[in-house]
PDB file of N, CA and C in Angstrom:
ATOM      1  N   MET A   1      -1.561 -80.265 -19.033  1.00  0.00           N
ATOM      2  CA  MET A   1      -0.314 -80.972 -19.422  1.00  0.00           C
ATOM      3  C   MET A   1       0.709 -79.844 -19.863  1.00  0.00           C
ATOM      4  N   LYS A   2       1.872 -80.068 -19.935  1.00  0.00           N
ATOM      5  CA  LYS A   2       2.871 -79.353 -20.071  1.00  0.00           C
ATOM      6  C   LYS A   2       3.823 -79.757 -21.176  1.00  0.00           C
ATOM      7  N   THR A   3       4.315 -78.839 -21.856  1.00  0.00           N
ATOM      8  CA  THR A   3       5.296 -79.222 -23.005  1.00  0.00           C
ATOM      9  C   THR A   3       6.629 -78.386 -22.847  1.00  0.00           C
ATOM     10  N   LYS A   4       7.580 -79.273 -22.637  1.00  0.00           N
ATOM     11  CA  LYS A   4       8.957 -78.674 -22.290  1.00  0.00           C
ATOM     12  C   LYS A   4       9.401 -77.872 -23.779  1.00  0.00           C
ATOM     13  N   THR A   5       9.872 -77.112 -24.046  1.00  0.00           N
ATOM     14  CA  THR A   5      10.512 -76.098 -24.813  1.00  0.00           C
ATOM     15  C   THR A   5      11.640 -75.422 -24.555  1.00  0.00           C
ATOM     16  N   SER A   6      12.319 -75.132 -25.571  1.00  0.00           N
ATOM     17  CA  SER A   6      13.590 -74.279 -25.008  1.00  0.00           C
ATOM     18  C   SER A   6      13.688 -72.724 -25.682  1.00  0.00           C
ATOM     19  N   ILE A   7      14.023 -71.995 -25.151  1.00  0.00           N
ATOM     20  CA  ILE A   7      13.848 -70.318 -25.793  1.00  0.00           C
ATOM     21  C   ILE A   7      15.483 -70.030 -25.231  1.00  0.00           C
ATOM     22  N   THR A   8      15.599 -68.839 -26.010  1.00  0.00           N
ATOM     23  CA  THR A   8      16.836 -68.026 -25.770  1.00  0.00           C
ATOM     24  C   THR A   8      16.385 -66.557 -25.610  1.00  0.00           C
ATOM     25  N   LEU A   9      17.072 -66.009 -24.041  1.00  0.00           N
ATOM     26  CA  LEU A   9      16.629 -65.105 -23.738  1.00  0.00           C
ATOM     27  C   LEU A   9      17.707 -64.153 -23.422  1.00  0.00           C
ATOM     28  N   SER A  10      17.883 -62.776 -23.644  1.00  0.00           N
ATOM     29  CA  SER A  10      19.082 -62.057 -23.219  1.00  0.00           C
ATOM     30  C   SER A  10      19.397 -61.834 -21.994  1.00  0.00           C
ATOM     31  N   ASN A  11      20.639 -61.818 -21.466  1.00  0.00           N
ATOM     32  CA  ASN A  11      21.275 -62.123 -20.256  1.00  0.00           C
ATOM     33  C   ASN A  11      20.375 -61.006 -18.945  1.00  0.00           C
ATOM     34  N   ASP A  12      20.286 -59.912 -19.669  1.00  0.00           N
ATOM     35  CA  ASP A  12      19.799 -58.944 -18.830  1.00  0.00           C
ATOM     36  C   ASP A  12      18.123 -59.455 -18.467  1.00  0.00           C
ATOM     37  N   LEU A  13      17.541 -60.036 -19.535  1.00  0.00           N
ATOM     38  CA  LEU A  13      16.131 -60.414 -19.339  1.00  0.00           C
ATOM     39  C   LEU A  13      16.173 -61.573 -18.166  1.00  0.00           C
ATOM     40  N   VAL A  14      17.097 -62.269 -18.355  1.00  0.00           N
ATOM     41  CA  VAL A  14      17.163 -63.439 -17.181  1.00  0.00           C
ATOM     42  C   VAL A  14      17.201 -63.011 -15.845  1.00  0.00           C
ATOM     43  N   LYS A  15      18.079 -62.046 -15.832  1.00  0.00           N
ATOM     44  CA  LYS A  15      18.622 -61.483 -14.628  1.00  0.00           C
ATOM     45  C   LYS A  15      17.253 -60.833 -14.143  1.00  0.00           C
ATOM     46  N   ALA A  16      16.528 -60.386 -14.698  1.00  0.00           N
ATOM     47  CA  ALA A  16      15.331 -59.358 -14.288  1.00  0.00           C
ATOM     48  C   ALA A  16      14.534 -60.404 -13.781  1.00  0.00           C
ATOM     49  N   ILE A  17      14.353 -61.536 -14.604  1.00  0.00           N
ATOM     50  CA  ILE A  17      13.337 -62.593 -14.416  1.00  0.00           C
ATOM     51  C   ILE A  17      13.655 -63.264 -12.886  1.00  0.00           C
ATOM     52  N   ASP A  18      14.638 -63.337 -12.978  1.00  0.00           N
ATOM     53  CA  ASP A  18      15.558 -64.108 -11.684  1.00  0.00           C
ATOM     54  C   ASP A  18      15.234 -63.055 -10.445  1.00  0.00           C
ATOM     55  N   LYS A  19      15.360 -61.964 -10.494  1.00  0.00           N
ATOM     56  CA  LYS A  19      15.140 -60.612  -9.555  1.00  0.00           C
ATOM     57  C   LYS A  19      13.700 -60.873  -9.019  1.00  0.00           C
ATOM     58  N   LEU A  20      13.052 -60.758  -9.949  1.00  0.00           N
ATOM     59  CA  LEU A  20      11.663 -60.350  -9.697  1.00  0.00           C
ATOM     60  C   LEU A  20      10.832 -61.682  -9.265  1.00  0.00           C
ATOM     61  N   SER A  21      10.961 -62.782  -9.888  1.00  0.00           N
ATOM     62  CA  SER A  21      10.313 -64.142  -9.552  1.00  0.00           C
ATOM     63  C   SER A  21      10.833 -64.635  -7.832  1.00  0.00           C
ATOM     64  N   GLY A  22      12.103 -64.296  -7.393  1.00  0.00           N
ATOM     65  CA  GLY A  22      12.430 -64.294  -6.204  1.00  0.00           C
ATOM     66  C   GLY A  22      12.050 -65.770  -6.029  1.00  0.00           C
ATOM     67  N   ARG A  23      12.125 -66.419  -4.883  1.00  0.00           N
ATOM     68  CA  ARG A  23      11.889 -67.584  -4.359  1.00  0.00           C
ATOM     69  C   ARG A  23      10.792 -68.146  -4.538  1.00  0.00           C
ATOM     70  N   SER A  24       9.706 -67.431  -4.845  1.00  0.00           N
ATOM     71  CA  SER A  24       8.419 -67.736  -5.002  1.00  0.00           C
ATOM     72  C   SER A  24       7.944 -68.459  -6.515  1.00  0.00           C
ATOM     73  N   LYS A  25       8.858 -68.368  -7.524  1.00  0.00           N
ATOM     74  CA  LYS A  25       8.529 -69.098  -8.423  1.00  0.00           C
ATOM     75  C   LYS A  25       9.652 -69.193  -9.297  1.00  0.00           C
ATOM     76  N   ASN A  26       9.914 -70.274  -9.982  1.00  0.00           N
ATOM     77  CA  ASN A  26      11.089 -70.664 -10.758  1.00  0.00           C
ATOM     78  C   ASN A  26      10.654 -69.992 -12.382  1.00  0.00           C
ATOM     79  N   ARG A  27      11.958 -69.785 -13.087  1.00  0.00           N
ATOM     80  CA  ARG A  27      11.929 -69.386 -14.174  1.00  0.00           C
ATOM     81  C   ARG A  27      10.616 -69.534 -14.991  1.00  0.00           C
ATOM     82  N   SER A  28      10.225 -70.781 -15.259  1.00  0.00           N
ATOM     83  CA  SER A  28       9.640 -71.271 -16.033  1.00  0.00           C
ATOM     84  C   SER A  28       7.818 -70.818 -15.743  1.00  0.00           C
ATOM     85  N   GLU A  29       7.678 -70.914 -14.393  1.00  0.00           N
ATOM     86  CA  GLU A  29       6.512 -70.500 -13.632  1.00  0.00           C
ATOM     87  C   GLU A  29       6.341 -68.662 -13.861  1.00  0.00           C
ATOM     88  N   PHE A  30       7.448 -68.168 -13.854  1.00  0.00           N
ATOM     89  CA  PHE A  30       7.342 -66.835 -13.971  1.00  0.00           C
ATOM     90  C   PHE A  30       7.244 -66.853 -15.704  1.00  0.00           C
ATOM     91  N   ILE A  31       7.701 -67.254 -16.363  1.00  0.00           N
ATOM     92  CA  ILE A  31       7.500 -66.271 -17.702  1.00  0.00           C
ATOM     93  C   ILE A  31       6.214 -67.044 -18.299  1.00  0.00           C
ATOM     94  N   GLU A  32       5.655 -68.535 -17.959  1.00  0.00           N
ATOM     95  CA  GLU A  32       4.301 -68.696 -18.016  1.00  0.00           C
ATOM     96  C   GLU A  32       3.429 -67.566 -17.637  1.00  0.00           C
ATOM     97  N   THR A  33       3.416 -67.209 -16.602  1.00  0.00           N
ATOM     98  CA  THR A  33       2.512 -66.277 -16.072  1.00  0.00           C
ATOM     99  C   THR A  33       2.743 -65.054 -17.078  1.00  0.00           C
ATOM    100  N   ALA A  34       4.076 -64.262 -17.145  1.00  0.00           N
ATOM    101  CA  ALA A  34       4.198 -63.407 -18.180  1.00  0.00           C
ATOM    102  C   ALA A  34       3.621 -63.547 -19.387  1.00  0.00           C
ATOM    103  N   VAL A  35       3.500 -64.674 -19.956  1.00  0.00           N
ATOM    104  CA  VAL A  35       3.037 -64.879 -21.241  1.00  0.00           C
ATOM    105  C   VAL A  35       1.422 -64.882 -21.423  1.00  0.00           C
ATOM    106  N   ARG A  36       0.963 -65.122 -20.261  1.00  0.00           N
ATOM    107  CA  ARG A  36      -0.644 -65.410 -19.915  1.00  0.00           C
ATOM    108  C   ARG A  36      -1.196 -64.321 -19.722  1.00  0.00           C
ATOM    109  N   VAL A  37      -0.702 -63.263 -19.022  1.00  0.00           N
ATOM    110  CA  VAL A  37      -0.976 -61.653 -19.023  1.00  0.00           C
ATOM    111  C   VAL A  37      -0.850 -61.091 -20.157  1.00  0.00           C
ATOM    112  N   TYR A  38       0.240 -61.421 -20.741  1.00  0.00           N
ATOM    113  CA  TYR A  38       0.412 -60.517 -21.867  1.00  0.00           C
ATOM    114  C   TYR A  38      -0.868 -60.960 -23.209  1.00  0.00           C
ATOM    115  N   ILE A  39      -0.770 -62.603 -23.052  1.00  0.00           N
ATOM    116  CA  ILE A  39      -1.966 -62.963 -24.100  1.00  0.00           C
ATOM    117  C   ILE A  39      -3.452 -62.399 -23.768  1.00  0.00           C
ATOM    118  N   ALA A  40      -3.828 -62.442 -22.349  1.00  0.00           N
ATOM    119  CA  ALA A  40      -4.836 -61.676 -21.912  1.00  0.00           C
ATOM    120  C   ALA A  40      -4.956 -60.476 -22.657  1.00  0.00           C
ATOM    121  N   GLN A  41      -3.899 -59.571 -22.376  1.00  0.00           N
ATOM    122  CA  GLN A  41      -4.191 -58.301 -22.755  1.00  0.00           C
ATOM    123  C   GLN A  41      -4.156 -58.258 -23.882  1.00  0.00           C
ATOM    124  N   VAL A  42      -3.690 -58.915 -24.990  1.00  0.00           N
ATOM    125  CA  VAL A  42      -3.884 -58.697 -26.524  1.00  0.00           C
ATOM    126  C   VAL A  42      -5.320 -58.818 -26.868  1.00  0.00           C
ATOM    127  N   ILE A  43      -5.762 -60.414 -26.399  1.00  0.00           N
ATOM    128  CA  ILE A  43      -7.341 -60.469 -26.421  1.00  0.00           C
ATOM    129  C   ILE A  43      -8.171 -59.423 -26.156  1.00  0.00           C
ATOM    130  N   ARG A  44      -8.083 -58.723 -24.828  1.00  0.00           N
ATOM    131  CA  ARG A  44      -8.650 -57.864 -24.171  1.00  0.00           C
ATOM    132  C   ARG A  44      -8.722 -56.496 -25.033  1.00  0.00           C
ATOM    133  N   ARG A  45      -7.663 -56.181 -25.739  1.00  0.00           N
ATOM    134  CA  ARG A  45      -7.402 -55.092 -26.806  1.00  0.00           C
ATOM    135  C   ARG A  45      -8.153 -55.514 -28.215  1.00  0.00           C
ATOM    136  N   GLU A  46      -7.835 -56.474 -28.703  1.00  0.00           N
ATOM    137  CA  GLU A  46      -8.941 -57.172 -29.481  1.00  0.00           C
ATOM    138  C   GLU A  46     -10.371 -56.944 -29.553  1.00  0.00           C
ATOM    139  N   ILE A  47     -10.773 -57.516 -28.342  1.00  0.00           N
ATOM    140  CA  ILE A  47     -12.094 -57.148 -27.999  1.00  0.00           C
ATOM    141  C   ILE A  47     -12.781 -55.764 -28.168  1.00  0.00           C
ATOM    142  N   ASN A  48     -11.727 -55.311 -27.271  1.00  0.00           N
ATOM    143  CA  ASN A  48     -11.882 -53.679 -27.176  1.00  0.00           C
ATOM    144  C   ASN A  48     -12.114 -52.794 -28.826  1.00  0.00           C
ATOM    145  N   ALA A  49     -11.142 -53.311 -29.404  1.00  0.00           N
ATOM    146  CA  ALA A  49     -11.318 -52.560 -30.769  1.00  0.00           C
ATOM    147  C   ALA A  49     -12.372 -53.104 -31.448  1.00  0.00           C
ATOM    148  N   ARG A  50     -12.866 -54.219 -31.451  1.00  0.00           N
ATOM    149  CA  ARG A  50     -14.326 -54.766 -32.013  1.00  0.00           C
ATOM    150  C   ARG A  50     -15.299 -53.834 -31.449  1.00  0.00           C
ATOM    151  N   ASP A  51     -15.326 -53.853 -30.175  1.00  0.00           N
ATOM    152  CA  ASP A  51     -16.653 -53.130 -29.554  1.00  0.00           C
ATOM    153  C   ASP A  51     -16.688 -51.731 -30.029  1.00  0.00           C
ATOM    154  N   LEU A  52     -15.449 -51.048 -30.126  1.00  0.00           N
ATOM    155  CA  LEU A  52     -15.344 -49.525 -30.621  1.00  0.00           C
ATOM    156  C   LEU A  52     -15.813 -49.617 -31.890  1.00  0.00           C
ATOM    157  N   GLU A  53     -15.435 -50.634 -32.719  1.00  0.00           N
ATOM    158  CA  GLU A  53     -15.699 -50.453 -33.878  1.00  0.00           C
ATOM    159  C   GLU A  53     -17.266 -50.572 -34.157  1.00  0.00           C
ATOM    160  N   ILE A  54     -17.984 -51.424 -33.511  1.00  0.00           N
ATOM    161  CA  ILE A  54     -19.502 -51.304 -33.626  1.00  0.00           C
ATOM    162  C   ILE A  54     -20.130 -50.015 -32.925  1.00  0.00           C
ATOM    163  N   ILE A  55     -19.413 -49.592 -31.773  1.00  0.00           N
ATOM    164  CA  ILE A  55     -20.355 -48.658 -31.357  1.00  0.00           C
ATOM    165  C   ILE A  55     -19.962 -47.290 -32.543  1.00  0.00           C
ATOM    166  N   ASN A  56     -18.886 -46.920 -32.856  1.00  0.00           N
ATOM    167  CA  ASN A  56     -18.716 -45.905 -34.006  1.00  0.00           C
ATOM    168  C   ASN A  56     -19.520 -46.648 -35.084  1.00  0.00           C
ATOM    169  N   GLN A  57     -19.574 -47.515 -35.606  1.00  0.00           N
ATOM    170  CA  GLN A  57     -20.608 -47.716 -36.738  1.00  0.00           C
ATOM    171  C   GLN A  57     -22.160 -47.261 -36.384  1.00  0.00           C
ATOM    172  N   ARG A  58     -22.595 -47.417 -35.192  1.00  0.00           N
ATOM    173  CA  ARG A  58     -23.942 -47.404 -34.572  1.00  0.00           C
ATOM    174  C   ARG A  58     -24.270 -46.123 -33.750  1.00  0.00           C
ATOM    175  N   ALA A  59     -22.947 -44.893 -33.829  1.00  0.00           N
ATOM    176  CA  ALA A  59     -22.716 -43.976 -33.402  1.00  0.00           C
ATOM    177  C   ALA A  59     -23.952 -43.020 -33.230  1.00  0.00           C
ATOM    178  N   ASP A  60     -24.274 -42.820 -34.712  1.00  0.00           N
ATOM    179  CA  ASP A  60     -25.016 -41.956 -35.083  1.00  0.00           C
ATOM    180  C   ASP A  60     -27.017 -42.025 -34.829  1.00  0.00           C
ATOM    181  N   ARG A  61     -27.143 -43.355 -34.295  1.00  0.00           N
ATOM    182  CA  ARG A  61     -28.181 -43.627 -33.866  1.00  0.00           C
ATOM    183  C   ARG A  61     -28.260 -43.793 -32.237  1.00  0.00           C
ATOM    184  N   LEU A  62     -27.236 -44.195 -31.608  1.00  0.00           N
ATOM    185  CA  LEU A  62     -26.929 -43.846 -30.281  1.00  0.00           C
ATOM    186  C   LEU A  62     -27.535 -42.406 -30.326  1.00  0.00           C
ATOM    187  N   ASN A  63     -26.549 -41.766 -30.577  1.00  0.00           N
ATOM    188  CA  ASN A  63     -26.772 -40.249 -30.208  1.00  0.00           C
ATOM    189  C   ASN A  63     -28.131 -39.686 -30.484  1.00  0.00           C
ATOM    190  N   GLU A  64     -28.579 -40.036 -31.475  1.00  0.00           N
ATOM    191  CA  GLU A  64     -30.297 -39.773 -31.454  1.00  0.00           C
ATOM    192  C   GLU A  64     -30.888 -40.160 -30.338  1.00  0.00           C
ATOM    193  N   GLU A  65     -30.834 -41.568 -30.083  1.00  0.00           N
ATOM    194  CA  GLU A  65     -31.446 -41.852 -28.836  1.00  0.00           C
ATOM    195  C   GLU A  65     -31.190 -41.234 -27.798  1.00  0.00           C
ATOM    196  N   ALA A  66     -29.827 -40.766 -27.308  1.00  0.00           N
ATOM    197  CA  ALA A  66     -29.972 -40.127 -26.378  1.00  0.00           C
ATOM    198  C   ALA A  66     -30.225 -38.645 -26.015  1.00  0.00           C
ATOM    199  N   LEU A  67     -30.281 -38.104 -27.611  1.00  0.00           N
ATOM    200  CA  LEU A  67     -31.036 -36.826 -27.441  1.00  0.00           C
ATOM    201  C   LEU A  67     -32.605 -36.805 -27.249  1.00  0.00           C
ATOM    202  N   GLU A  68     -33.232 -38.159 -27.644  1.00  0.00           N
ATOM    203  CA  GLU A  68     -34.872 -38.366 -27.213  1.00  0.00           C
ATOM    204  C   GLU A  68     -35.072 -38.121 -25.931  1.00  0.00           C
ATOM    205  N   VAL A  69     -33.945 -39.406 -25.033  1.00  0.00           N
ATOM    206  CA  VAL A  69     -34.113 -39.573 -23.808  1.00  0.00           C
ATOM    207  C   VAL A  69     -33.858 -38.382 -22.957  1.00  0.00           C
ATOM    208  N   LEU A  70     -32.993 -37.459 -23.607  1.00  0.00           N
ATOM    209  CA  LEU A  70     -32.728 -35.983 -22.884  1.00  0.00           C
ATOM    210  C   LEU A  70     -33.983 -35.064 -23.078  1.00  0.00           C
ATOM    211  N   ALA A  71     -34.643 -34.972 -24.192  1.00  0.00           N
ATOM    212  CA  ALA A  71     -35.655 -34.193 -24.544  1.00  0.00           C
ATOM    213  C   ALA A  71     -36.901 -34.514 -23.921  1.00  0.00           C
ATOM    214  N   PHE A  72     -36.891 -35.999 -23.625  1.00  0.00           N
ATOM    215  CA  PHE A  72     -38.192 -36.627 -22.959  1.00  0.00           C
ATOM    216  C   PHE A  72     -38.176 -35.928 -21.440  1.00  0.00           C
ATOM    217  N   GLN A  73     -36.847 -36.165 -20.532  1.00  0.00           N
ATOM    218  CA  GLN A  73     -36.186 -36.057 -19.317  1.00  0.00           C
ATOM    219  C   GLN A  73     -36.345 -34.326 -19.186  1.00  0.00           C
ATOM    220  N   GLY A  74     -36.468 -33.451 -20.115  1.00  0.00           N
ATOM    221  CA  GLY A  74     -36.644 -31.937 -20.163  1.00  0.00           C
ATOM    222  C   GLY A  74     -38.303 -31.867 -19.846  1.00  0.00           C
ATOM    223  N   ASP A  75     -39.090 -32.277 -20.359  1.00  0.00           N
ATOM    224  CA  ASP A  75     -40.328 -31.925 -20.348  1.00  0.00           C
ATOM    225  C   ASP A  75     -41.078 -31.986 -18.732  1.00  0.00           C
ATOM    226  N   TRP A  76     -40.312 -32.759 -18.143  1.00  0.00           N
ATOM    227  CA  TRP A  76     -40.660 -32.879 -16.654  1.00  0.00           C
ATOM    228  C   TRP A  76     -40.584 -31.748 -16.029  1.00  0.00           C
TER     229      TRP A  76
END
């Protein structure tokens, strides 16, 4: 389902959209795709930030485990 909306864009942005979208997409399709890509990037950055926070919280233990594995491998 689609909802009709109205937005105001600068002239240079509209010209760039028209140039990049060409004949394959109309403005609405182009803008919808661009917004979807942007939202996916924002969500991915949020997930990556949360993952990094978890890794950092557990870094000491993970490093200890890595050292244990390396020490074990060195015994061969």
